[in-house]
Amino acid sequence: MADEKKNKPEQHKGKGPGGERAGKGKGDAGGGHSKKHDSGAVEASAEPRVEPRLQTRFKSHVRDILAQQHGLKNPMSQPRLDKIVVNINMGRHLEGAKLPANVRTTVLDTIVKVTGQKPVVLKAKKSVSNFKVREGVETAAMVTLRRDRMWHFLDRFINLAAPRIKDFRGLSDTSFDKQGNYAFGLSEQGVFPEINMADATFTHGMNISIGFRNSTPKLSRAILQELGFPFRKPEDSKPGSRK
């Protein structure tokens, strides 16, 4: 009897590892099948990337002009668009040390709808008594666009937003810094078709900065002109040209 009792646990132990191995084998087989199924679903849902049309024009047309007219035959030495920064100031709406909730909500919604990207809220770094600003108070919201979102935003501004500006005669072609970056401002957010002014609680503008790499004011102006940027025509910039 003692020998039988000693043998029973050994038989039980022998069955255990076998059972565990069999269970693991079934689990692995099932897990492998689910992974294959999931990967197939991801591959089926993934769509091929469509290159923005302004980026296509830059590669096929603008680069040739830079090489022929400006002598920049090496693609690495040619200027290119790096980023677009959209900034909206909220400091003028401060009520003491607080920012009204409707102002903050409207500004953030505008940036999300116009750019398709969540903005970053900026806070004052120090207190300025003349402007009634205290340190740590939210004063602005900004977003930085790169790659495809940058090209899509520039395309929508040139072809959709700019023609909707009231009494629009073009943007200044002298607002470049030494590095070739271009900055301009809009007086209201309603020029973008994504914004419904009936739902907006107040009107606000925005500052837009277009950043370049390896550029100068002359080269940046040439690139934007070839991309169709609405610069002011020389006859409209002369004194007395407006009626």
C-alpha atoms as a PDB file:
ATOM      1  CA  MET A   1       0.000   0.000   0.000  1.00  0.00           C
ATOM      2  CA  ALA A   2       2.844   2.321   0.804  1.00  0.00           C
ATOM      3  CA  ASP A   3       4.432   1.593  -2.549  1.00  0.00           C
ATOM      4  CA  GLU A   4       1.163   2.336  -4.391  1.00  0.00           C
ATOM      5  CA  LYS A   5       0.790   5.675  -2.607  1.00  0.00           C
ATOM      6  CA  LYS A   6       4.312   6.607  -3.582  1.00  0.00           C
ATOM      7  CA  ASN A   7       3.679   5.739  -7.230  1.00  0.00           C
ATOM      8  CA  LYS A   8       0.426   7.697  -7.538  1.00  0.00           C
ATOM      9  CA  PRO A   9       1.969  11.167  -7.163  1.00  0.00           C
ATOM     10  CA  GLU A  10       4.627  10.230  -9.688  1.00  0.00           C
ATOM     11  CA  GLN A  11       1.924   9.251 -12.184  1.00  0.00           C
ATOM     12  CA  HIS A  12       0.090  12.497 -11.477  1.00  0.00           C
ATOM     13  CA  LYS A  13       3.263  14.510 -11.964  1.00  0.00           C
ATOM     14  CA  GLY A  14       3.901  12.747 -15.246  1.00  0.00           C
ATOM     15  CA  LYS A  15       0.447  13.643 -16.535  1.00  0.00           C
ATOM     16  CA  GLY A  16       0.790  17.260 -15.457  1.00  0.00           C
ATOM     17  CA  PRO A  17       3.656  18.341 -17.733  1.00  0.00           C
ATOM     18  CA  GLY A  18       2.132  16.460 -20.617  1.00  0.00           C
ATOM     19  CA  GLY A  19      -1.179  18.195 -20.055  1.00  0.00           C
ATOM     20  CA  GLU A  20       0.518  21.536 -19.775  1.00  0.00           C
ATOM     21  CA  ARG A  21       2.461  20.955 -22.975  1.00  0.00           C
ATOM     22  CA  ALA A  22      -0.671  19.976 -24.805  1.00  0.00           C
ATOM     23  CA  GLY A  23      -2.493  23.046 -23.521  1.00  0.00           C
ATOM     24  CA  LYS A  24       0.349  25.327 -24.510  1.00  0.00           C
ATOM     25  CA  GLY A  25       0.464  23.811 -27.945  1.00  0.00           C
ATOM     26  CA  LYS A  26      -3.242  24.451 -28.466  1.00  0.00           C
ATOM     27  CA  GLY A  27      -2.947  27.978 -27.110  1.00  0.00           C
ATOM     28  CA  ASP A  28      -0.002  28.760 -29.366  1.00  0.00           C
ATOM     29  CA  ALA A  29      -1.838  27.445 -32.357  1.00  0.00           C
ATOM     30  CA  GLY A  30      -4.870  29.534 -31.528  1.00  0.00           C
ATOM     31  CA  GLY A  31      -2.739  32.609 -30.806  1.00  0.00           C
ATOM     32  CA  GLY A  32      -0.857  32.241 -34.067  1.00  0.00           C
ATOM     33  CA  HIS A  33      -4.114  32.033 -35.975  1.00  0.00           C
ATOM     34  CA  SER A  34      -5.474  35.197 -34.308  1.00  0.00           C
ATOM     35  CA  LYS A  35      -2.260  37.121 -35.044  1.00  0.00           C
ATOM     36  CA  LYS A  36      -2.428  36.169 -38.700  1.00  0.00           C
ATOM     37  CA  HIS A  37      -6.067  37.209 -38.796  1.00  0.00           C
ATOM     38  CA  ASP A  38      -5.335  40.563 -37.127  1.00  0.00           C
ATOM     39  CA  SER A  39      -2.412  41.334 -39.437  1.00  0.00           C
ATOM     40  CA  GLY A  40      -4.565  40.523 -42.443  1.00  0.00           C
ATOM     41  CA  ALA A  41      -7.246  42.908 -41.209  1.00  0.00           C
ATOM     42  CA  VAL A  42      -4.706  45.711 -40.745  1.00  0.00           C
ATOM     43  CA  GLU A  43      -3.250  45.168 -44.208  1.00  0.00           C
ATOM     44  CA  ALA A  44      -6.722  45.170 -45.734  1.00  0.00           C
ATOM     45  CA  SER A  45      -7.715  48.424 -43.979  1.00  0.00           C
ATOM     46  CA  ALA A  46      -4.443  50.275 -44.758  1.00  0.00           C
ATOM     47  CA  GLU A  47      -4.686  52.595 -47.753  1.00  0.00           C
ATOM     48  CA  PRO A  48      -1.767  53.740 -49.919  1.00  0.00           C
ATOM     49  CA  ARG A  49      -0.469  57.231 -49.141  1.00  0.00           C
ATOM     50  CA  VAL A  50      -1.494  59.933 -51.602  1.00  0.00           C
ATOM     51  CA  GLU A  51       1.161  62.614 -51.936  1.00  0.00           C
ATOM     52  CA  PRO A  52      -0.138  66.209 -51.502  1.00  0.00           C
ATOM     53  CA  ARG A  53      -0.394  67.967 -54.831  1.00  0.00           C
ATOM     54  CA  LEU A  54       1.668  70.976 -53.746  1.00  0.00           C
ATOM     55  CA  GLN A  55       4.455  68.650 -52.678  1.00  0.00           C
ATOM     56  CA  THR A  56       4.257  66.934 -56.062  1.00  0.00           C
ATOM     57  CA  ARG A  57       4.475  70.303 -57.806  1.00  0.00           C
ATOM     58  CA  PHE A  58       7.448  71.279 -55.654  1.00  0.00           C
ATOM     59  CA  LYS A  59       9.353  68.116 -56.579  1.00  0.00           C
ATOM     60  CA  SER A  60       8.499  68.088 -60.283  1.00  0.00           C
ATOM     61  CA  HIS A  61       8.428  71.811 -61.141  1.00  0.00           C
ATOM     62  CA  VAL A  62       9.892  74.077 -58.461  1.00  0.00           C
ATOM     63  CA  ARG A  63      13.115  72.113 -58.038  1.00  0.00           C
ATOM     64  CA  ASP A  64      13.827  72.376 -61.776  1.00  0.00           C
ATOM     65  CA  ILE A  65      13.380  76.159 -61.615  1.00  0.00           C
ATOM     66  CA  LEU A  66      15.740  76.393 -58.639  1.00  0.00           C
ATOM     67  CA  ALA A  67      18.348  74.407 -60.561  1.00  0.00           C
ATOM     68  CA  GLN A  68      18.004  76.341 -63.845  1.00  0.00           C
ATOM     69  CA  GLN A  69      17.408  79.927 -62.704  1.00  0.00           C
ATOM     70  CA  HIS A  70      19.307  79.964 -59.406  1.00  0.00           C
ATOM     71  CA  GLY A  71      22.076  77.458 -60.112  1.00  0.00           C
ATOM     72  CA  LEU A  72      21.118  75.095 -57.263  1.00  0.00           C
ATOM     73  CA  LYS A  73      21.543  71.756 -59.042  1.00  0.00           C
ATOM     74  CA  ASN A  74      22.296  69.752 -55.902  1.00  0.00           C
ATOM     75  CA  PRO A  75      18.940  68.786 -54.288  1.00  0.00           C
ATOM     76  CA  MET A  76      20.512  68.897 -50.825  1.00  0.00           C
ATOM     77  CA  SER A  77      21.464  72.568 -51.269  1.00  0.00           C
ATOM     78  CA  GLN A  78      18.018  73.627 -52.475  1.00  0.00           C
ATOM     79  CA  PRO A  79      15.654  75.399 -50.062  1.00  0.00           C
ATOM     80  CA  ARG A  80      12.536  73.574 -48.946  1.00  0.00           C
ATOM     81  CA  LEU A  81       9.522  74.081 -46.727  1.00  0.00           C
ATOM     82  CA  ASP A  82      10.173  72.906 -43.193  1.00  0.00           C
ATOM     83  CA  LYS A  83       7.092  73.797 -41.118  1.00  0.00           C
ATOM     84  CA  ILE A  84       4.076  76.074 -40.729  1.00  0.00           C
ATOM     85  CA  VAL A  85       3.239  77.564 -37.318  1.00  0.00           C
ATOM     86  CA  VAL A  86      -0.293  78.821 -36.561  1.00  0.00           C
ATOM     87  CA  ASN A  87      -0.597  81.030 -33.472  1.00  0.00           C
ATOM     88  CA  ILE A  88      -3.694  82.654 -31.925  1.00  0.00           C
ATOM     89  CA  ASN A  89      -3.383  85.171 -29.091  1.00  0.00           C
ATOM     90  CA  MET A  90      -5.903  85.008 -26.241  1.00  0.00           C
ATOM     91  CA  GLY A  91      -4.309  87.533 -23.867  1.00  0.00           C
ATOM     92  CA  ARG A  92      -6.571  90.432 -24.794  1.00  0.00           C
ATOM     93  CA  HIS A  93      -9.592  88.474 -23.571  1.00  0.00           C
ATOM     94  CA  LEU A  94      -8.241  87.976 -20.061  1.00  0.00           C
ATOM     95  CA  GLU A  95     -10.570  88.974 -17.235  1.00  0.00           C
ATOM     96  CA  GLY A  96      -8.201  89.574 -14.360  1.00  0.00           C
ATOM     97  CA  ALA A  97      -6.218  86.372 -13.996  1.00  0.00           C
ATOM     98  CA  LYS A  98      -8.791  84.141 -15.698  1.00  0.00           C
ATOM     99  CA  LEU A  99      -9.498  83.323 -19.317  1.00  0.00           C
ATOM    100  CA  PRO A 100     -13.195  82.971 -20.199  1.00  0.00           C
ATOM    101  CA  ALA A 101     -14.138  79.387 -20.998  1.00  0.00           C
ATOM    102  CA  ASN A 102     -15.921  80.312 -24.236  1.00  0.00           C
ATOM    103  CA  VAL A 103     -12.801  82.101 -25.548  1.00  0.00           C
ATOM    104  CA  ARG A 104     -10.543  79.150 -24.842  1.00  0.00           C
ATOM    105  CA  THR A 105     -12.989  76.678 -26.358  1.00  0.00           C
ATOM    106  CA  THR A 106     -13.529  78.736 -29.504  1.00  0.00           C
ATOM    107  CA  VAL A 107      -9.815  79.252 -30.153  1.00  0.00           C
ATOM    108  CA  LEU A 108      -8.906  75.597 -29.621  1.00  0.00           C
ATOM    109  CA  ASP A 109     -11.793  74.405 -31.813  1.00  0.00           C
ATOM    110  CA  THR A 110     -10.723  76.791 -34.567  1.00  0.00           C
ATOM    111  CA  ILE A 111      -7.176  75.453 -34.627  1.00  0.00           C
ATOM    112  CA  VAL A 112      -8.313  71.826 -34.579  1.00  0.00           C
ATOM    113  CA  LYS A 113     -10.766  72.338 -37.453  1.00  0.00           C
ATOM    114  CA  VAL A 114      -8.379  74.404 -39.577  1.00  0.00           C
ATOM    115  CA  THR A 115      -5.202  72.354 -39.089  1.00  0.00           C
ATOM    116  CA  GLY A 116      -6.465  68.913 -38.059  1.00  0.00           C
ATOM    117  CA  GLN A 117      -4.038  68.862 -35.133  1.00  0.00           C
ATOM    118  CA  LYS A 118      -4.430  69.466 -31.403  1.00  0.00           C
ATOM    119  CA  PRO A 119      -2.822  72.787 -30.337  1.00  0.00           C
ATOM    120  CA  VAL A 120      -0.497  73.581 -27.462  1.00  0.00           C
ATOM    121  CA  VAL A 121      -1.665  76.204 -24.945  1.00  0.00           C
ATOM    122  CA  LEU A 122       1.058  78.721 -24.035  1.00  0.00           C
ATOM    123  CA  LYS A 123       1.332  80.368 -20.631  1.00  0.00           C
ATOM    124  CA  ALA A 124       2.890  83.705 -19.686  1.00  0.00           C
ATOM    125  CA  LYS A 125       6.483  83.301 -18.482  1.00  0.00           C
ATOM    126  CA  LYS A 126       6.436  86.467 -16.393  1.00  0.00           C
ATOM    127  CA  SER A 127       4.022  89.096 -15.140  1.00  0.00           C
ATOM    128  CA  VAL A 128       3.598  92.375 -17.044  1.00  0.00           C
ATOM    129  CA  SER A 129       1.543  94.979 -15.218  1.00  0.00           C
ATOM    130  CA  ASN A 130       1.059  97.239 -18.245  1.00  0.00           C
ATOM    131  CA  PHE A 131      -0.706  94.429 -20.120  1.00  0.00           C
ATOM    132  CA  LYS A 132      -2.439  93.083 -16.998  1.00  0.00           C
ATOM    133  CA  VAL A 133      -0.786  89.680 -17.507  1.00  0.00           C
ATOM    134  CA  ARG A 134       0.223  87.423 -14.637  1.00  0.00           C
ATOM    135  CA  GLU A 135       2.779  84.654 -14.702  1.00  0.00           C
ATOM    136  CA  GLY A 136       1.280  81.242 -15.497  1.00  0.00           C
ATOM    137  CA  VAL A 137      -1.877  82.570 -17.182  1.00  0.00           C
ATOM    138  CA  GLU A 138      -2.869  81.024 -20.544  1.00  0.00           C
ATOM    139  CA  THR A 139      -2.267  83.669 -23.199  1.00  0.00           C
ATOM    140  CA  ALA A 140      -2.037  81.906 -26.582  1.00  0.00           C
ATOM    141  CA  ALA A 141      -2.494  78.647 -28.474  1.00  0.00           C
ATOM    142  CA  MET A 142      -0.257  77.397 -31.264  1.00  0.00           C
ATOM    143  CA  VAL A 143       0.321  74.395 -33.475  1.00  0.00           C
ATOM    144  CA  THR A 144       3.285  73.340 -35.639  1.00  0.00           C
ATOM    145  CA  LEU A 145       2.516  71.558 -38.918  1.00  0.00           C
ATOM    146  CA  ARG A 146       5.019  69.403 -40.779  1.00  0.00           C
ATOM    147  CA  ARG A 147       5.072  66.995 -43.715  1.00  0.00           C
ATOM    148  CA  ASP A 148       1.642  66.146 -45.233  1.00  0.00           C
ATOM    149  CA  ARG A 149      -0.430  68.338 -42.895  1.00  0.00           C
ATOM    150  CA  MET A 150       1.788  71.305 -43.737  1.00  0.00           C
ATOM    151  CA  TRP A 151       1.283  70.832 -47.481  1.00  0.00           C
ATOM    152  CA  HIS A 152      -2.486  70.296 -47.129  1.00  0.00           C
ATOM    153  CA  PHE A 153      -2.878  73.412 -44.972  1.00  0.00           C
ATOM    154  CA  LEU A 154      -0.917  75.548 -47.441  1.00  0.00           C
ATOM    155  CA  ASP A 155      -2.985  74.179 -50.336  1.00  0.00           C
ATOM    156  CA  ARG A 156      -6.284  74.968 -48.579  1.00  0.00           C
ATOM    157  CA  PHE A 157      -5.144  78.476 -47.700  1.00  0.00           C
ATOM    158  CA  ILE A 158      -4.035  79.315 -51.249  1.00  0.00           C
ATOM    159  CA  ASN A 159      -7.056  77.882 -53.053  1.00  0.00           C
ATOM    160  CA  LEU A 160      -9.898  78.144 -50.513  1.00  0.00           C
ATOM    161  CA  ALA A 161      -9.192  80.626 -47.717  1.00  0.00           C
ATOM    162  CA  ALA A 162      -7.389  83.463 -49.526  1.00  0.00           C
ATOM    163  CA  PRO A 163     -10.151  84.028 -52.137  1.00  0.00           C
ATOM    164  CA  ARG A 164     -12.682  84.379 -49.286  1.00  0.00           C
ATOM    165  CA  ILE A 165     -10.865  87.342 -47.692  1.00  0.00           C
ATOM    166  CA  LYS A 166     -12.907  90.515 -48.037  1.00  0.00           C
ATOM    167  CA  ASP A 167     -11.425  93.095 -50.471  1.00  0.00           C
ATOM    168  CA  PHE A 168      -8.402  90.873 -50.936  1.00  0.00           C
ATOM    169  CA  ARG A 169      -5.663  92.326 -53.142  1.00  0.00           C
ATOM    170  CA  GLY A 170      -2.856  89.979 -52.203  1.00  0.00           C
ATOM    171  CA  LEU A 171      -0.360  89.560 -49.388  1.00  0.00           C
ATOM    172  CA  SER A 172       2.813  91.575 -48.985  1.00  0.00           C
ATOM    173  CA  ASP A 173       5.916  90.097 -50.630  1.00  0.00           C
ATOM    174  CA  THR A 174       8.321  91.831 -48.234  1.00  0.00           C
ATOM    175  CA  SER A 175       7.446  90.036 -44.969  1.00  0.00           C
ATOM    176  CA  PHE A 176      10.521  87.781 -45.038  1.00  0.00           C
ATOM    177  CA  ASP A 177      13.278  87.566 -42.453  1.00  0.00           C
ATOM    178  CA  LYS A 178      16.967  86.959 -43.188  1.00  0.00           C
ATOM    179  CA  GLN A 179      16.519  83.175 -43.191  1.00  0.00           C
ATOM    180  CA  GLY A 180      13.706  83.383 -45.749  1.00  0.00           C
ATOM    181  CA  ASN A 181      10.843  82.621 -43.356  1.00  0.00           C
ATOM    182  CA  TYR A 182       7.556  84.297 -44.258  1.00  0.00           C
ATOM    183  CA  ALA A 183       4.935  85.536 -41.777  1.00  0.00           C
ATOM    184  CA  PHE A 184       1.494  87.067 -42.253  1.00  0.00           C
ATOM    185  CA  GLY A 185      -1.738  87.502 -40.322  1.00  0.00           C
ATOM    186  CA  LEU A 186      -5.466  87.018 -40.800  1.00  0.00           C
ATOM    187  CA  SER A 187      -8.081  89.249 -39.191  1.00  0.00           C
ATOM    188  CA  GLU A 188     -10.820  86.614 -38.809  1.00  0.00           C
ATOM    189  CA  GLN A 189     -11.140  82.856 -38.747  1.00  0.00           C
ATOM    190  CA  GLY A 190     -14.198  82.791 -41.027  1.00  0.00           C
ATOM    191  CA  VAL A 191     -12.064  82.764 -44.208  1.00  0.00           C
ATOM    192  CA  PHE A 192     -11.558  79.024 -43.740  1.00  0.00           C
ATOM    193  CA  PRO A 193     -14.557  77.037 -45.016  1.00  0.00           C
ATOM    194  CA  GLU A 194     -14.285  74.630 -42.064  1.00  0.00           C
ATOM    195  CA  ILE A 195     -15.395  77.401 -39.674  1.00  0.00           C
ATOM    196  CA  ASN A 196     -19.097  78.159 -39.274  1.00  0.00           C
ATOM    197  CA  MET A 197     -19.310  81.735 -37.986  1.00  0.00           C
ATOM    198  CA  ALA A 198     -22.889  81.141 -36.796  1.00  0.00           C
ATOM    199  CA  ASP A 199     -21.471  78.866 -34.080  1.00  0.00           C
ATOM    200  CA  ALA A 200     -18.585  81.191 -33.138  1.00  0.00           C
ATOM    201  CA  THR A 201     -19.023  83.338 -30.027  1.00  0.00           C
ATOM    202  CA  PHE A 202     -16.534  85.991 -31.160  1.00  0.00           C
ATOM    203  CA  THR A 203     -14.225  86.874 -34.052  1.00  0.00           C
ATOM    204  CA  HIS A 204     -10.472  86.440 -33.768  1.00  0.00           C
ATOM    205  CA  GLY A 205      -7.509  86.410 -36.105  1.00  0.00           C
ATOM    206  CA  MET A 206      -4.358  84.321 -36.305  1.00  0.00           C
ATOM    207  CA  ASN A 207      -0.678  84.617 -37.134  1.00  0.00           C
ATOM    208  CA  ILE A 208       0.799  82.180 -39.663  1.00  0.00           C
ATOM    209  CA  SER A 209       4.520  81.640 -40.173  1.00  0.00           C
ATOM    210  CA  ILE A 210       5.996  79.567 -43.026  1.00  0.00           C
ATOM    211  CA  GLY A 211       9.456  78.219 -42.198  1.00  0.00           C
ATOM    212  CA  PHE A 212      12.121  77.335 -44.786  1.00  0.00           C
ATOM    213  CA  ARG A 213      15.475  75.574 -44.709  1.00  0.00           C
ATOM    214  CA  ASN A 214      18.615  76.616 -46.635  1.00  0.00           C
ATOM    215  CA  SER A 215      16.780  79.641 -47.957  1.00  0.00           C
ATOM    216  CA  THR A 216      16.955  83.395 -48.457  1.00  0.00           C
ATOM    217  CA  PRO A 217      14.152  85.938 -48.947  1.00  0.00           C
ATOM    218  CA  LYS A 218      14.660  85.813 -52.720  1.00  0.00           C
ATOM    219  CA  LEU A 219      14.517  82.014 -52.913  1.00  0.00           C
ATOM    220  CA  SER A 220      11.546  81.729 -50.558  1.00  0.00           C
ATOM    221  CA  ARG A 221       9.619  84.307 -52.594  1.00  0.00           C
ATOM    222  CA  ALA A 222      10.346  82.363 -55.794  1.00  0.00           C
ATOM    223  CA  ILE A 223       9.173  79.080 -54.258  1.00  0.00           C
ATOM    224  CA  LEU A 224       5.915  80.525 -52.943  1.00  0.00           C
ATOM    225  CA  GLN A 225       5.202  82.257 -56.252  1.00  0.00           C
ATOM    226  CA  GLU A 226       5.615  78.994 -58.161  1.00  0.00           C
ATOM    227  CA  LEU A 227       3.294  77.258 -55.701  1.00  0.00           C
ATOM    228  CA  GLY A 228       0.604  79.871 -56.424  1.00  0.00           C
ATOM    229  CA  PHE A 229       0.886  81.965 -53.253  1.00  0.00           C
ATOM    230  CA  PRO A 230      -1.313  85.097 -53.576  1.00  0.00           C
ATOM    231  CA  PHE A 231       1.250  87.900 -53.405  1.00  0.00           C
ATOM    232  CA  ARG A 232       0.163  91.469 -54.058  1.00  0.00           C
ATOM    233  CA  LYS A 233       0.717  92.549 -57.648  1.00  0.00           C
ATOM    234  CA  PRO A 234       3.112  95.466 -58.271  1.00  0.00           C
ATOM    235  CA  GLU A 235       0.377  97.719 -59.697  1.00  0.00           C
ATOM    236  CA  ASP A 236      -1.752  97.193 -56.562  1.00  0.00           C
ATOM    237  CA  SER A 237       1.103  98.152 -54.249  1.00  0.00           C
ATOM    238  CA  LYS A 238       1.645 101.569 -55.826  1.00  0.00           C
ATOM    239  CA  PRO A 239       0.202 104.629 -54.014  1.00  0.00           C
ATOM    240  CA  GLY A 240      -3.196 105.645 -55.301  1.00  0.00           C
ATOM    241  CA  SER A 241      -3.816 102.323 -57.072  1.00  0.00           C
ATOM    242  CA  ARG A 242      -6.826 101.518 -54.909  1.00  0.00           C
ATOM    243  CA  LYS A 243     -10.051 103.196 -55.826  1.00  0.00           C
END
